[in-house]
Amino acid sequence: MPRTPTNSKVGLLLSLGGSALAVIRTLRQMRRSRGTHDRMTTANTVAGLLPLITSALLVLRRLRRHSHRQAR
């Protein structure tokens, strides 16, 4: 089983980049659904956006902790 770099800085940056791309993709989908005035699709994209934002914030927190440990 390959080892995943969960606490390495590179792994955290890759995770943050993936989260950022997912947020951008979801925002584009939300704009399209708002343009068609489809409330269900808009609600679905907003509900899908919340976990992506949370995940990105968690990765940022881990990156900060990682950099503080390196500074000590």
C-alpha atoms as a PDB file:
ATOM      1  CA  MET A   1       0.000   0.000   0.000  1.00  0.00           C
ATOM      2  CA  PRO A   2       1.553   3.370  -1.002  1.00  0.00           C
ATOM      3  CA  ARG A   3       2.155   5.878   1.732  1.00  0.00           C
ATOM      4  CA  THR A   4       0.208   9.129   1.370  1.00  0.00           C
ATOM      5  CA  PRO A   5       1.969  12.339   2.385  1.00  0.00           C
ATOM      6  CA  THR A   6      -0.756  13.595   4.737  1.00  0.00           C
ATOM      7  CA  ASN A   7       1.456  15.857   6.821  1.00  0.00           C
ATOM      8  CA  SER A   8       4.065  16.870   4.283  1.00  0.00           C
ATOM      9  CA  LYS A   9       3.987  20.425   3.025  1.00  0.00           C
ATOM     10  CA  VAL A  10       3.801  19.290  -0.598  1.00  0.00           C
ATOM     11  CA  GLY A  11       0.876  16.985   0.168  1.00  0.00           C
ATOM     12  CA  LEU A  12      -0.968  19.763   1.963  1.00  0.00           C
ATOM     13  CA  LEU A  13      -0.367  22.186  -0.895  1.00  0.00           C
ATOM     14  CA  LEU A  14      -1.644  19.642  -3.428  1.00  0.00           C
ATOM     15  CA  SER A  15      -4.725  19.084  -1.313  1.00  0.00           C
ATOM     16  CA  LEU A  16      -5.327  22.826  -1.077  1.00  0.00           C
ATOM     17  CA  GLY A  17      -4.937  23.190  -4.848  1.00  0.00           C
ATOM     18  CA  GLY A  18      -7.448  20.422  -5.459  1.00  0.00           C
ATOM     19  CA  SER A  19      -9.907  22.032  -3.079  1.00  0.00           C
ATOM     20  CA  ALA A  20      -9.453  25.408  -4.777  1.00  0.00           C
ATOM     21  CA  LEU A  21     -10.133  23.911  -8.211  1.00  0.00           C
ATOM     22  CA  ALA A  22     -13.270  22.186  -6.895  1.00  0.00           C
ATOM     23  CA  VAL A  23     -14.519  25.472  -5.414  1.00  0.00           C
ATOM     24  CA  ILE A  24     -13.931  27.278  -8.721  1.00  0.00           C
ATOM     25  CA  ARG A  25     -15.731  24.539 -10.644  1.00  0.00           C
ATOM     26  CA  THR A  26     -18.698  24.686  -8.258  1.00  0.00           C
ATOM     27  CA  LEU A  27     -18.895  28.485  -8.452  1.00  0.00           C
ATOM     28  CA  ARG A  28     -19.077  28.261 -12.246  1.00  0.00           C
ATOM     29  CA  GLN A  29     -21.875  25.720 -11.972  1.00  0.00           C
ATOM     30  CA  MET A  30     -23.730  27.998  -9.555  1.00  0.00           C
ATOM     31  CA  ARG A  31     -23.480  30.928 -11.969  1.00  0.00           C
ATOM     32  CA  ARG A  32     -24.912  28.797 -14.767  1.00  0.00           C
ATOM     33  CA  SER A  33     -27.810  27.602 -12.620  1.00  0.00           C
ATOM     34  CA  ARG A  34     -28.591  31.130 -11.448  1.00  0.00           C
ATOM     35  CA  GLY A  35     -28.675  32.249 -15.073  1.00  0.00           C
ATOM     36  CA  THR A  36     -31.380  29.694 -15.842  1.00  0.00           C
ATOM     37  CA  HIS A  37     -33.273  30.580 -12.629  1.00  0.00           C
ATOM     38  CA  ASP A  38     -33.251  26.954 -11.523  1.00  0.00           C
ATOM     39  CA  ARG A  39     -33.592  27.130  -7.747  1.00  0.00           C
ATOM     40  CA  MET A  40     -33.070  23.421  -7.084  1.00  0.00           C
ATOM     41  CA  THR A  41     -29.782  23.303  -8.961  1.00  0.00           C
ATOM     42  CA  THR A  42     -28.639  26.505  -7.244  1.00  0.00           C
ATOM     43  CA  ALA A  43     -29.488  25.054  -3.828  1.00  0.00           C
ATOM     44  CA  ASN A  44     -27.670  21.847  -4.736  1.00  0.00           C
ATOM     45  CA  THR A  45     -24.502  23.693  -5.752  1.00  0.00           C
ATOM     46  CA  VAL A  46     -24.568  25.826  -2.581  1.00  0.00           C
ATOM     47  CA  ALA A  47     -24.928  22.677  -0.484  1.00  0.00           C
ATOM     48  CA  GLY A  48     -22.024  21.107  -2.385  1.00  0.00           C
ATOM     49  CA  LEU A  49     -19.892  24.211  -1.965  1.00  0.00           C
ATOM     50  CA  LEU A  50     -19.993  24.235   1.839  1.00  0.00           C
ATOM     51  CA  PRO A  51     -17.983  21.021   2.391  1.00  0.00           C
ATOM     52  CA  LEU A  52     -15.425  22.135  -0.195  1.00  0.00           C
ATOM     53  CA  ILE A  53     -14.857  25.416   1.614  1.00  0.00           C
ATOM     54  CA  THR A  54     -14.628  23.607   4.953  1.00  0.00           C
ATOM     55  CA  SER A  55     -12.084  21.173   3.554  1.00  0.00           C
ATOM     56  CA  ALA A  56      -9.952  23.998   2.148  1.00  0.00           C
ATOM     57  CA  LEU A  57     -10.014  25.797   5.504  1.00  0.00           C
ATOM     58  CA  LEU A  58      -8.962  22.621   7.330  1.00  0.00           C
ATOM     59  CA  VAL A  59      -6.015  22.180   4.964  1.00  0.00           C
ATOM     60  CA  LEU A  60      -4.986  25.812   5.500  1.00  0.00           C
ATOM     61  CA  ARG A  61      -5.071  25.267   9.260  1.00  0.00           C
ATOM     62  CA  ARG A  62      -2.865  22.178   8.925  1.00  0.00           C
ATOM     63  CA  LEU A  63      -0.457  24.131   6.707  1.00  0.00           C
ATOM     64  CA  ARG A  64      -0.185  26.880   9.323  1.00  0.00           C
ATOM     65  CA  ARG A  65       0.474  24.357  12.062  1.00  0.00           C
ATOM     66  CA  HIS A  66       3.066  22.664   9.881  1.00  0.00           C
ATOM     67  CA  SER A  67       4.887  25.958   9.242  1.00  0.00           C
ATOM     68  CA  HIS A  68       4.799  26.885  12.948  1.00  0.00           C
ATOM     69  CA  ARG A  69       6.376  23.522  13.837  1.00  0.00           C
ATOM     70  CA  GLN A  70       9.103  24.081  11.243  1.00  0.00           C
ATOM     71  CA  ALA A  71       9.881  27.543  12.672  1.00  0.00           C
ATOM     72  CA  ARG A  72      10.555  26.174  16.161  1.00  0.00           C
END
